[in-house]
Amino acid sequence: MFDFSALDSLAEITREQRRLRPDATAQIFEDRRTSFAELDEAASRVANALLDLGLQPGARFAYLGKNSDRYFELLFGAFKAGNVAVSVNWRLALPELLYIFNDAQCEALFVGAEYHGLVPELLAACPRLRAVVAMDGEAASWPAFTHWRDAAPSEDFHLPVNPDAEVMLLYTSGTTGSPKGVQITTANYLAFFRAAELAQWGDIQAGEVNLACMPVFHVAGVNMGILSIAQGASVVVMKEVDPAQILDFIPRYGINNAFFVPAVILFMLQQPRAATTDFSSLRRLYYGASPIAEDLLEKARALIGCEFFQLYGLTETVGAATYLPAAAHAPELGKLRSCGVPYPGIDIRVIDEAGNALPPTAVGEVVIRSGVVMKGYWGAPAATAEAIVDGWFRTGDAGYFDTDGYLYIHDRVKDMIVSGGENIYPAEVENAVFGHPAVADVAVIGVPDPQWGEAVKAIVVLKPGAQLSPEDLIAHARTRIAAYKTPKSVDFIAALPRNPSGKVLRRELREPYWQGHPRRVN
């Protein structure tokens, strides 16, 4: 395994791998293969091209596109130039994109072919945005990424690195209805590497072949690419998640390690060919981002036959917090509903409302203290101060430790909904629904869903005399927020239950839908 203790910057990753194995394959994407030497040279050219655009160290650029090997060239180039990558969820609606571009003050946009039609509106409404590069070839008056990259010199200038400066902003949904940019620094990533190494799930070997299929706007997606390249493994980059294609890729490329959210595992197993797919190359399958049904986990382990590791974490902790080791997946141990034990070097507590640590089996809020905890929320000091208290990050997840030190997530303090691994906050959806002229009041909750874990449900109070169908309300919401956030069902009631201070009693709304479920996440 690569010795991460020697790293002092993320820019050193491609330099070191070029020195160790220049001709080995770093990336595979569709019909392209890139060696480590080619990747490092591409990163140097990208760094110089970013500087030629006038992006000074610390300046931010947006990436709006699906997964690609070119994305990682761009990212490693940004590490060398000291720029900040803002990888944007391509499923968002235009108003959400505009908010992020302006909030992050993005100065350049790297855009995939599928989203060229959005560029004129983005340029018109984002005054700091002054350069566009087309990732997939020529388009309008924007240069193609490869031409833009190759026009820059290949010299590596080894610019100084501030470990406390952010290297990327990953936007998460916000409880107030506006997303927040999570500032992830070089120091955060170096702490993540060390923690994964000590936990012994991240001991990927040079020459292994890993699959990166989760979207790069998620910390899980970008981490799989970075961690693989950092250790000299080849990473097969999938443009987007396709369960049928995953079943092709595993035997075709001899995939050794992969990360999936539980919904992807479910969809893979539902493919008719899953029963005859050759999974023998798989050494480890990592899963996380949402809870998994025990029945699904046991079926997947029986069919695939490799080691399984659950990984629990948040964007704000670079995806690191706890891990459920392969050995703990034995059903007789009774730990399959747990998300595991803390990584070595990561402190985790369960606290009460006063901030006191709770004993085993007592439910409270999960808090984390470690070098993986984000620098803060970009441009939001109040939100940062609320989230990080005395060095402890408040996750918003309610959980408990058992007497063996295994963490269980019981509920969500912040009412967040997790659907297919996507975080959805009720406030965002409520803002979209409330804009309909027939709506007097609304509360959004998560309800059990057999495929996605949870589905978004809107509980709506109509204005006197108003009439509205669920279908029309869902269509209205879809014009304002991403499709995956829109309600999948709507119930109409006379009034929302509220406490004396006027706060909606979401737990009371949720309870009928969760009867028969042992915990209030699915």
Protein backbone atom coordinates (compact mmCIF):
# COMPACT_ATOMS: atom_id res chain seq x y z
CA MET A 1 0.00 0.00 0.00
CA PHE A 2 1.16 3.54 -0.74
CA ASP A 3 2.77 5.36 2.20
CA PHE A 4 0.49 8.37 2.71
CA SER A 5 2.68 9.75 5.48
CA ALA A 6 5.07 11.01 2.79
CA LEU A 7 2.38 13.18 1.16
CA ASP A 8 2.20 16.86 2.03
CA SER A 9 -0.11 17.93 -0.79
CA LEU A 10 -2.59 16.41 -3.19
CA ALA A 11 -0.49 17.73 -6.09
CA GLU A 12 2.17 15.17 -5.13
CA ILE A 13 -0.14 12.25 -5.93
CA THR A 14 0.33 12.20 -9.70
CA ARG A 15 3.97 13.27 -9.42
CA GLU A 16 4.78 10.33 -7.14
CA GLN A 17 2.84 7.77 -9.17
CA ARG A 18 4.53 9.00 -12.34
CA ARG A 19 7.87 8.37 -10.65
CA LEU A 20 6.89 4.92 -9.40
CA ARG A 21 4.98 3.51 -12.40
CA PRO A 22 4.95 5.92 -15.37
CA ASP A 23 3.66 3.43 -17.95
CA ALA A 24 1.01 1.72 -15.81
CA THR A 25 -2.63 2.51 -16.54
CA ALA A 26 -4.09 5.19 -14.29
CA GLN A 27 -7.52 5.63 -15.89
CA ILE A 28 -9.85 3.82 -18.25
CA PHE A 29 -12.83 5.66 -19.71
CA GLU A 30 -14.76 4.24 -22.64
CA ASP A 31 -12.08 3.75 -25.32
CA ARG A 32 -9.37 5.83 -23.60
CA ARG A 33 -6.55 4.59 -21.41
CA THR A 34 -4.28 7.04 -19.63
CA SER A 35 -0.96 6.16 -18.03
CA PHE A 36 0.26 7.76 -14.81
CA ALA A 37 2.89 9.69 -16.77
CA GLU A 38 0.20 11.01 -19.14
CA LEU A 39 -2.08 11.90 -16.23
CA ASP A 40 0.65 13.85 -14.44
CA GLU A 41 1.57 15.73 -17.61
CA ALA A 42 -2.10 16.50 -18.26
CA ALA A 43 -2.43 17.82 -14.69
CA SER A 44 0.55 20.14 -15.23
CA ARG A 45 -0.89 21.44 -18.50
CA VAL A 46 -4.28 21.99 -16.86
CA ALA A 47 -2.65 23.87 -13.99
CA ASN A 48 -0.89 26.21 -16.40
CA ALA A 49 -4.05 26.63 -18.48
CA LEU A 50 -6.04 27.55 -15.35
CA LEU A 51 -3.45 30.16 -14.47
CA ASP A 52 -3.57 31.45 -18.06
CA LEU A 53 -7.33 31.97 -17.61
CA GLY A 54 -6.46 34.34 -14.78
CA LEU A 55 -7.58 32.00 -12.01
CA GLN A 56 -5.33 32.83 -9.11
CA PRO A 57 -4.72 30.32 -6.30
CA GLY A 58 -7.94 30.09 -4.31
CA ALA A 59 -10.15 30.99 -7.27
CA ARG A 60 -13.09 28.68 -7.90
CA PHE A 61 -14.32 27.01 -11.07
CA ALA A 62 -17.41 24.88 -11.68
CA TYR A 63 -17.61 21.44 -13.24
CA LEU A 64 -21.07 20.66 -14.65
CA GLY A 65 -20.94 17.29 -16.31
CA LYS A 66 -21.13 13.57 -15.84
CA ASN A 67 -18.20 11.40 -14.82
CA SER A 68 -15.17 11.40 -17.08
CA ASP A 69 -11.46 10.72 -16.98
CA ARG A 70 -11.07 14.35 -18.08
CA TYR A 71 -12.64 15.42 -14.78
CA PHE A 72 -9.78 13.86 -12.83
CA GLU A 73 -7.24 15.53 -15.14
CA LEU A 74 -8.97 18.81 -14.31
CA LEU A 75 -9.05 18.05 -10.59
CA PHE A 76 -5.40 17.07 -10.31
CA GLY A 77 -4.51 20.15 -12.36
CA ALA A 78 -6.44 22.27 -9.87
CA PHE A 79 -4.43 20.69 -7.06
CA LYS A 80 -1.24 21.87 -8.78
CA ALA A 81 -2.60 25.37 -9.50
CA GLY A 82 -4.14 25.88 -6.07
CA ASN A 83 -7.62 26.39 -7.52
CA VAL A 84 -10.85 25.17 -5.96
CA ALA A 85 -13.06 22.70 -7.84
CA VAL A 86 -16.83 23.12 -7.46
CA SER A 87 -18.36 19.91 -8.82
CA VAL A 88 -22.05 20.66 -9.33
CA ASN A 89 -24.91 18.20 -9.21
CA TRP A 90 -26.08 17.99 -12.84
CA ARG A 91 -29.53 16.90 -11.68
CA LEU A 92 -30.29 20.32 -10.20
CA ALA A 93 -32.79 22.74 -11.68
CA LEU A 94 -31.55 26.00 -13.21
CA PRO A 95 -32.45 28.20 -10.18
CA GLU A 96 -30.42 25.87 -7.96
CA LEU A 97 -27.44 25.98 -10.34
CA LEU A 98 -27.55 29.76 -10.46
CA TYR A 99 -27.52 29.95 -6.68
CA ILE A 100 -24.44 27.72 -6.42
CA PHE A 101 -22.50 29.42 -9.22
CA ASN A 102 -23.05 32.83 -7.67
CA ASP A 103 -22.57 31.71 -4.08
CA ALA A 104 -19.24 30.06 -4.95
CA GLN A 105 -18.25 33.01 -7.16
CA CYS A 106 -17.17 30.64 -9.91
CA GLU A 107 -14.92 32.28 -12.51
CA ALA A 108 -14.86 29.48 -15.09
CA LEU A 109 -17.13 26.65 -16.15
CA PHE A 110 -16.13 23.23 -17.47
CA VAL A 111 -19.28 21.81 -19.01
CA GLY A 112 -20.33 18.46 -20.43
CA ALA A 113 -22.12 18.22 -23.75
CA GLU A 114 -25.46 17.40 -22.12
CA TYR A 115 -25.58 20.82 -20.43
CA HIS A 116 -24.46 23.18 -23.19
CA GLY A 117 -28.00 24.51 -23.45
CA LEU A 118 -27.79 25.93 -19.91
CA VAL A 119 -24.64 27.94 -20.53
CA PRO A 120 -26.22 31.13 -22.00
CA GLU A 121 -28.49 31.52 -18.97
CA LEU A 122 -25.62 30.77 -16.59
CA LEU A 123 -23.40 33.37 -18.25
CA ALA A 124 -26.19 35.95 -18.22
CA ALA A 125 -26.98 35.51 -14.54
CA CYS A 126 -23.49 34.86 -13.10
CA PRO A 127 -21.40 38.02 -13.42
CA ARG A 128 -18.11 36.49 -12.23
CA LEU A 129 -18.31 33.67 -14.77
CA ARG A 130 -16.01 34.70 -17.62
CA ALA A 131 -14.71 31.52 -19.27
CA VAL A 132 -16.29 28.32 -20.56
CA VAL A 133 -14.48 25.13 -21.63
CA ALA A 134 -16.33 22.28 -23.35
CA MET A 135 -15.32 18.94 -21.84
CA ASP A 136 -16.51 16.79 -24.75
CA GLY A 137 -15.28 18.65 -27.84
CA GLU A 138 -15.88 21.94 -29.64
CA ALA A 139 -19.10 23.82 -28.92
CA ALA A 140 -20.18 27.31 -29.94
CA SER A 141 -17.29 29.67 -29.16
CA TRP A 142 -15.91 27.64 -26.27
CA PRO A 143 -12.64 25.74 -26.66
CA ALA A 144 -12.58 21.97 -26.34
CA PHE A 145 -10.95 20.77 -23.13
CA THR A 146 -8.18 18.84 -24.89
CA HIS A 147 -7.25 21.81 -27.11
CA TRP A 148 -7.36 24.19 -24.14
CA ARG A 149 -5.22 21.81 -22.08
CA ASP A 150 -2.64 21.02 -24.75
CA ALA A 151 -2.12 24.67 -25.68
CA ALA A 152 -0.56 25.19 -22.23
CA PRO A 153 3.04 24.22 -21.37
CA SER A 154 3.73 20.92 -19.61
CA GLU A 155 6.18 22.38 -17.09
CA ASP A 156 5.33 21.62 -13.47
CA PHE A 157 6.03 24.77 -11.43
CA HIS A 158 5.53 23.15 -7.99
CA LEU A 159 3.58 26.05 -6.55
CA PRO A 160 3.53 26.24 -2.73
CA VAL A 161 0.58 24.57 -1.01
CA ASN A 162 -1.29 25.82 2.04
CA PRO A 163 -2.66 22.70 3.75
CA ASP A 164 -5.52 24.71 5.28
CA ALA A 165 -6.70 26.12 1.95
CA GLU A 166 -9.70 24.40 0.41
CA VAL A 167 -9.23 22.26 -2.67
CA MET A 168 -12.90 21.70 -3.41
CA LEU A 169 -16.36 22.89 -2.52
CA LEU A 170 -19.04 20.22 -2.48
CA TYR A 171 -22.52 21.65 -2.09
CA THR A 172 -24.97 19.97 0.24
CA SER A 173 -28.64 20.69 0.65
CA GLY A 174 -29.45 23.14 3.40
CA THR A 175 -31.96 23.10 6.23
CA THR A 176 -32.86 26.70 5.36
CA GLY A 177 -33.64 25.83 1.76
CA SER A 178 -30.30 27.02 0.34
CA PRO A 179 -27.39 24.64 -0.30
CA LYS A 180 -24.09 25.16 1.51
CA GLY A 181 -20.59 24.78 0.11
CA VAL A 182 -18.51 22.38 2.19
CA GLN A 183 -14.90 23.57 2.26
CA ILE A 184 -12.63 20.53 1.99
CA THR A 185 -8.92 21.23 2.41
CA THR A 186 -5.65 19.49 1.64
CA ALA A 187 -5.30 18.76 5.36
CA ASN A 188 -8.77 17.17 5.40
CA TYR A 189 -7.82 14.81 2.59
CA LEU A 190 -4.47 13.88 4.13
CA ALA A 191 -6.32 13.03 7.35
CA PHE A 192 -8.82 10.98 5.35
CA PHE A 193 -6.03 9.00 3.67
CA ARG A 194 -4.39 8.22 7.02
CA ALA A 195 -7.71 7.23 8.60
CA ALA A 196 -8.62 4.89 5.72
CA GLU A 197 -5.17 3.32 5.93
CA LEU A 198 -5.41 2.76 9.69
CA ALA A 199 -8.92 1.32 9.34
CA GLN A 200 -7.48 -1.18 6.84
CA TRP A 201 -10.36 -0.88 4.40
CA GLY A 202 -8.40 1.51 2.20
CA ASP A 203 -5.38 -0.72 1.59
CA ILE A 204 -5.83 -0.71 -2.17
CA GLN A 205 -2.85 -2.25 -3.90
CA ALA A 206 -0.90 -0.81 -6.83
CA GLY A 207 -2.00 -2.50 -10.02
CA GLU A 208 -5.49 -3.32 -8.79
CA VAL A 209 -8.47 -2.20 -10.86
CA ASN A 210 -11.17 -0.12 -9.18
CA LEU A 211 -14.54 1.10 -10.36
CA ALA A 212 -15.60 4.74 -9.94
CA CYS A 213 -19.26 5.00 -10.91
CA MET A 214 -20.88 7.21 -8.27
CA PRO A 215 -21.19 10.83 -9.44
CA VAL A 216 -18.17 13.04 -8.83
CA PHE A 217 -20.33 15.75 -7.26
CA HIS A 218 -20.65 13.30 -4.33
CA VAL A 219 -17.76 12.82 -1.94
CA ALA A 220 -18.03 9.03 -2.46
CA GLY A 221 -17.60 9.41 -6.22
CA VAL A 222 -14.62 11.72 -6.14
CA ASN A 223 -12.96 9.79 -3.29
CA MET A 224 -12.92 6.52 -5.22
CA GLY A 225 -11.01 8.18 -8.04
CA ILE A 226 -8.54 10.07 -5.84
CA LEU A 227 -7.85 7.15 -3.49
CA SER A 228 -7.30 4.75 -6.40
CA ILE A 229 -4.89 7.01 -8.28
CA ALA A 230 -3.06 7.90 -5.07
CA GLN A 231 -2.19 4.23 -4.55
CA GLY A 232 -1.22 3.35 -8.09
CA ALA A 233 -4.38 1.46 -8.92
CA SER A 234 -6.18 1.71 -12.25
CA VAL A 235 -9.59 3.35 -12.02
CA VAL A 236 -12.34 2.52 -14.48
CA VAL A 237 -14.50 5.65 -14.69
CA MET A 238 -18.15 5.14 -15.61
CA LYS A 239 -20.00 8.10 -17.09
CA GLU A 240 -22.99 7.42 -14.85
CA VAL A 241 -24.44 4.61 -12.80
CA ASP A 242 -25.86 1.85 -14.97
CA PRO A 243 -26.47 -1.43 -13.10
CA ALA A 244 -26.49 -3.51 -16.30
CA GLN A 245 -23.22 -1.96 -17.44
CA ILE A 246 -21.67 -2.53 -14.01
CA LEU A 247 -22.36 -6.25 -14.46
CA ASP A 248 -20.49 -6.06 -17.78
CA PHE A 249 -17.58 -4.02 -16.43
CA ILE A 250 -16.76 -6.21 -13.42
CA PRO A 251 -15.64 -9.27 -15.45
CA ARG A 252 -14.50 -7.26 -18.50
CA TYR A 253 -11.96 -5.19 -16.58
CA GLY A 254 -11.41 -7.53 -13.64
CA ILE A 255 -12.70 -4.99 -11.13
CA ASN A 256 -11.18 -5.57 -7.67
CA ASN A 257 -12.79 -2.81 -5.56
CA ALA A 258 -15.96 -0.73 -5.97
CA PHE A 259 -18.25 1.55 -3.99
CA PHE A 260 -22.05 1.50 -4.40
CA VAL A 261 -24.96 3.05 -2.58
CA PRO A 262 -27.51 0.43 -1.45
CA ALA A 263 -29.96 1.36 -4.22
CA VAL A 264 -27.34 0.43 -6.84
CA ILE A 265 -26.77 -2.94 -5.16
CA LEU A 266 -30.53 -3.52 -5.24
CA PHE A 267 -30.80 -2.63 -8.94
CA MET A 268 -27.80 -4.83 -9.78
CA LEU A 269 -29.35 -7.83 -8.08
CA GLN A 270 -32.63 -7.20 -9.91
CA GLN A 271 -30.87 -7.60 -13.26
CA PRO A 272 -31.62 -11.05 -14.75
CA ARG A 273 -27.92 -11.51 -15.57
CA ALA A 274 -26.80 -10.95 -11.99
CA ALA A 275 -27.15 -14.65 -11.18
CA THR A 276 -24.69 -15.62 -13.95
CA THR A 277 -22.25 -12.71 -13.73
CA ASP A 278 -18.65 -13.60 -12.88
CA PHE A 279 -17.85 -11.62 -9.71
CA SER A 280 -14.68 -13.57 -8.94
CA SER A 281 -12.35 -10.60 -9.50
CA LEU A 282 -14.05 -8.50 -6.79
CA ARG A 283 -12.00 -8.35 -3.62
CA ARG A 284 -13.96 -5.70 -1.76
CA LEU A 285 -17.29 -3.98 -2.15
CA TYR A 286 -17.77 -0.78 -0.19
CA TYR A 287 -21.26 0.54 0.41
CA GLY A 288 -22.79 3.49 2.24
CA ALA A 289 -24.51 6.91 1.93
CA SER A 290 -27.80 5.45 3.16
CA PRO A 291 -28.91 2.50 5.32
CA ILE A 292 -29.19 -0.92 3.73
CA ALA A 293 -31.81 -3.60 4.36
CA GLU A 294 -30.37 -6.66 6.07
CA ASP A 295 -32.09 -8.98 3.59
CA LEU A 296 -30.56 -7.14 0.63
CA LEU A 297 -27.12 -7.18 2.25
CA GLU A 298 -27.24 -10.91 2.90
CA LYS A 299 -28.43 -11.64 -0.66
CA ALA A 300 -25.65 -9.50 -2.12
CA ARG A 301 -22.97 -11.16 0.03
CA ALA A 302 -24.20 -14.62 -0.95
CA LEU A 303 -24.26 -13.82 -4.67
CA ILE A 304 -21.11 -11.70 -5.03
CA GLY A 305 -18.96 -13.54 -2.51
CA CYS A 306 -16.36 -10.82 -1.79
CA GLU A 307 -15.63 -8.85 1.37
CA PHE A 308 -18.18 -6.14 2.20
CA PHE A 309 -17.34 -2.94 4.09
CA GLN A 310 -19.95 -0.40 5.11
CA LEU A 311 -18.67 3.19 5.24
CA TYR A 312 -20.57 5.87 7.16
CA GLY A 313 -19.60 9.51 6.87
CA LEU A 314 -20.71 12.88 5.58
CA THR A 315 -19.55 15.36 3.00
CA GLU A 316 -18.46 17.53 5.93
CA THR A 317 -16.07 14.76 7.08
CA VAL A 318 -14.75 13.80 3.61
CA GLY A 319 -17.01 10.76 3.85
CA ALA A 320 -15.18 9.32 6.87
CA ALA A 321 -16.58 8.47 10.33
CA THR A 322 -17.23 4.76 10.95
CA TYR A 323 -16.73 1.51 9.04
CA LEU A 324 -18.24 -1.93 9.44
CA PRO A 325 -15.39 -4.41 8.80
CA ALA A 326 -15.88 -7.45 6.63
CA ALA A 327 -15.57 -9.76 9.64
CA ALA A 328 -18.47 -7.98 11.38
CA HIS A 329 -20.83 -8.91 8.52
CA ALA A 330 -21.29 -12.43 9.84
CA PRO A 331 -25.06 -12.54 10.55
CA GLU A 332 -24.61 -14.39 13.84
CA LEU A 333 -22.79 -11.36 15.28
CA GLY A 334 -25.93 -9.25 14.96
CA LYS A 335 -24.12 -6.16 13.63
CA LEU A 336 -25.61 -5.87 10.12
CA ARG A 337 -27.79 -2.90 11.10
CA SER A 338 -24.79 -1.10 12.54
CA CYS A 339 -22.68 1.34 10.55
CA GLY A 340 -19.61 0.11 12.37
CA VAL A 341 -16.87 1.42 14.62
CA PRO A 342 -14.99 4.74 14.44
CA TYR A 343 -11.91 4.95 12.25
CA PRO A 344 -8.70 5.00 14.31
CA GLY A 345 -7.97 8.65 15.06
CA ILE A 346 -11.58 9.80 14.59
CA ASP A 347 -13.40 10.64 17.81
CA ILE A 348 -17.15 10.04 17.80
CA ARG A 349 -19.60 10.66 20.61
CA VAL A 350 -23.34 10.49 21.09
CA ILE A 351 -24.52 13.51 23.07
CA ASP A 352 -27.69 14.84 24.64
CA GLU A 353 -29.19 18.28 24.02
CA ALA A 354 -26.86 19.81 26.61
CA GLY A 355 -23.78 18.38 24.88
CA ASN A 356 -23.09 15.67 27.45
CA ALA A 357 -21.73 12.33 26.24
CA LEU A 358 -24.30 9.56 26.59
CA PRO A 359 -23.68 5.97 27.71
CA PRO A 360 -24.11 2.94 25.41
CA THR A 361 -27.65 2.26 24.12
CA ALA A 362 -28.79 5.85 24.86
CA VAL A 363 -29.96 7.73 21.74
CA GLY A 364 -28.60 11.20 21.04
CA GLU A 365 -26.93 13.26 18.33
CA VAL A 366 -23.78 11.85 16.71
CA VAL A 367 -20.85 14.28 16.81
CA ILE A 368 -17.39 13.89 15.25
CA ARG A 369 -13.97 15.40 16.01
CA SER A 370 -11.06 14.73 13.65
CA GLY A 371 -8.78 16.22 11.04
CA VAL A 372 -11.32 15.10 8.43
CA VAL A 373 -13.88 17.66 9.63
CA MET A 374 -14.38 20.38 7.04
CA LYS A 375 -12.90 23.85 7.31
CA GLY A 376 -16.45 25.21 7.30
CA TYR A 377 -19.32 26.23 5.07
CA TRP A 378 -18.24 28.67 2.38
CA GLY A 379 -19.35 32.22 3.16
CA ALA A 380 -21.59 31.06 6.02
CA PRO A 381 -19.89 31.71 9.37
CA ALA A 382 -23.12 31.40 11.35
CA ALA A 383 -23.91 28.00 9.84
CA THR A 384 -20.31 26.90 10.45
CA ALA A 385 -20.46 27.98 14.09
CA GLU A 386 -23.71 26.07 14.53
CA ALA A 387 -22.30 22.93 12.91
CA ILE A 388 -18.85 22.85 14.57
CA VAL A 389 -18.96 23.41 18.32
CA ASP A 390 -15.70 23.26 20.29
CA GLY A 391 -14.16 21.26 17.46
CA TRP A 392 -17.02 18.72 17.30
CA PHE A 393 -19.05 18.50 14.11
CA ARG A 394 -22.74 18.00 14.77
CA THR A 395 -23.94 15.51 12.18
CA GLY A 396 -27.67 15.92 12.71
CA ASP A 397 -27.94 12.14 12.87
CA ALA A 398 -29.46 10.57 15.96
CA GLY A 399 -27.91 7.29 16.99
CA TYR A 400 -26.41 5.19 19.75
CA PHE A 401 -23.44 2.97 20.50
CA ASP A 402 -23.99 -0.60 21.59
CA THR A 403 -21.93 -2.08 24.40
CA ASP A 404 -19.34 -3.36 21.88
CA GLY A 405 -18.70 0.15 20.51
CA TYR A 406 -20.67 -0.22 17.27
CA LEU A 407 -22.64 2.82 16.13
CA TYR A 408 -26.27 2.59 15.03
CA ILE A 409 -28.10 5.39 13.23
CA HIS A 410 -31.57 5.59 14.71
CA ASP A 411 -33.15 8.71 13.22
CA ARG A 412 -32.25 12.14 11.89
CA VAL A 413 -32.17 15.17 14.12
CA LYS A 414 -32.43 17.50 11.13
CA ASP A 415 -35.30 15.64 9.40
CA MET A 416 -33.14 15.00 6.36
CA ILE A 417 -34.46 12.50 3.82
CA VAL A 418 -32.04 10.08 2.13
CA SER A 419 -33.42 8.73 -1.14
CA GLY A 420 -31.16 6.52 -3.24
CA GLY A 421 -28.10 7.96 -1.49
CA GLU A 422 -29.16 11.57 -2.21
CA ASN A 423 -29.61 13.94 0.74
CA ILE A 424 -32.86 15.89 0.53
CA TYR A 425 -33.87 18.51 3.08
CA PRO A 426 -37.58 19.17 3.61
CA ALA A 427 -37.10 22.95 3.54
CA GLU A 428 -35.96 22.86 -0.07
CA VAL A 429 -38.97 20.87 -1.19
CA GLU A 430 -41.37 22.87 0.94
CA ASN A 431 -40.14 26.09 -0.63
CA ALA A 432 -40.88 24.69 -4.08
CA VAL A 433 -44.32 23.33 -3.17
CA PHE A 434 -45.38 26.39 -1.20
CA GLY A 435 -45.04 28.55 -4.29
CA HIS A 436 -48.18 27.02 -5.81
CA PRO A 437 -51.07 29.49 -5.46
CA ALA A 438 -53.43 26.78 -4.13
CA VAL A 439 -51.16 25.77 -1.23
CA ALA A 440 -51.79 27.24 2.21
CA ASP A 441 -49.35 25.12 4.18
CA VAL A 442 -47.00 22.20 3.58
CA ALA A 443 -44.68 19.82 5.39
CA VAL A 444 -42.39 17.35 3.66
CA ILE A 445 -41.35 14.03 5.18
CA GLY A 446 -39.56 10.87 4.14
CA VAL A 447 -41.58 7.66 3.97
CA PRO A 448 -40.37 4.08 3.39
CA ASP A 449 -39.68 3.08 -0.19
CA PRO A 450 -38.61 -0.46 -1.19
CA GLN A 451 -36.28 0.71 -3.97
CA TRP A 452 -34.88 4.06 -2.84
CA GLY A 453 -34.93 3.56 0.93
CA GLU A 454 -37.03 6.67 1.42
CA ALA A 455 -39.35 8.64 -0.82
CA VAL A 456 -40.38 12.28 -0.52
CA LYS A 457 -43.98 12.85 0.55
CA ALA A 458 -45.68 16.26 0.78
CA ILE A 459 -48.41 16.79 3.36
CA VAL A 460 -50.41 19.75 2.04
CA VAL A 461 -53.09 22.08 3.35
CA LEU A 462 -55.02 23.78 0.52
CA LYS A 463 -56.38 27.30 0.62
CA PRO A 464 -60.16 27.53 1.21
CA GLY A 465 -62.05 26.56 -1.92
CA ALA A 466 -58.89 25.56 -3.83
CA GLN A 467 -58.63 22.35 -5.77
CA LEU A 468 -55.39 20.70 -6.77
CA SER A 469 -54.35 17.22 -7.85
CA PRO A 470 -51.17 15.53 -6.60
CA GLU A 471 -49.95 15.25 -10.20
CA ASP A 472 -50.30 19.00 -10.83
CA LEU A 473 -48.51 19.85 -7.60
CA ILE A 474 -45.63 17.48 -8.36
CA ALA A 475 -45.33 18.95 -11.86
CA HIS A 476 -45.19 22.45 -10.35
CA ALA A 477 -42.42 21.46 -7.95
CA ARG A 478 -40.41 19.90 -10.77
CA THR A 479 -40.07 23.30 -12.44
CA ARG A 480 -38.32 24.66 -9.36
CA ILE A 481 -36.16 21.85 -7.97
CA ALA A 482 -34.40 18.73 -9.23
CA ALA A 483 -36.65 15.83 -10.15
CA TYR A 484 -35.19 13.53 -7.47
CA LYS A 485 -36.21 16.04 -4.79
CA THR A 486 -39.81 16.44 -5.93
CA PRO A 487 -42.55 14.70 -3.92
CA LYS A 488 -43.35 11.21 -5.13
CA SER A 489 -46.73 11.39 -3.38
CA VAL A 490 -49.00 14.04 -1.88
CA ASP A 491 -51.52 13.78 0.93
CA PHE A 492 -54.02 16.57 1.66
CA ILE A 493 -55.06 17.31 5.25
CA ALA A 494 -57.04 20.05 7.01
CA ALA A 495 -54.20 21.38 9.19
CA LEU A 496 -50.61 20.52 10.05
CA PRO A 497 -49.84 19.50 13.64
CA ARG A 498 -47.69 22.13 15.35
CA ASN A 499 -46.27 22.70 18.81
CA PRO A 500 -47.08 25.83 20.84
CA SER A 501 -44.22 27.74 19.18
CA GLY A 502 -45.58 26.92 15.73
CA LYS A 503 -43.01 24.27 14.73
CA VAL A 504 -44.41 21.47 12.58
CA LEU A 505 -44.43 18.15 14.42
CA ARG A 506 -42.79 16.11 11.66
CA ARG A 507 -42.39 13.07 13.87
CA GLU A 508 -46.15 12.97 14.34
CA LEU A 509 -46.65 13.21 10.57
CA ARG A 510 -44.13 10.49 9.85
CA GLU A 511 -45.22 7.98 12.44
CA PRO A 512 -48.18 6.37 10.58
CA TYR A 513 -46.00 5.63 7.54
CA TRP A 514 -43.21 4.07 9.60
CA GLN A 515 -45.29 1.73 11.72
CA GLY A 516 -43.81 -1.75 11.61
CA HIS A 517 -40.29 -0.46 10.90
CA PRO A 518 -37.78 -0.90 13.76
CA ARG A 519 -36.05 2.42 13.02
CA ARG A 520 -37.06 5.65 11.36
CA VAL A 521 -34.60 5.38 8.48
CA ASN A 522 -34.95 2.75 5.78
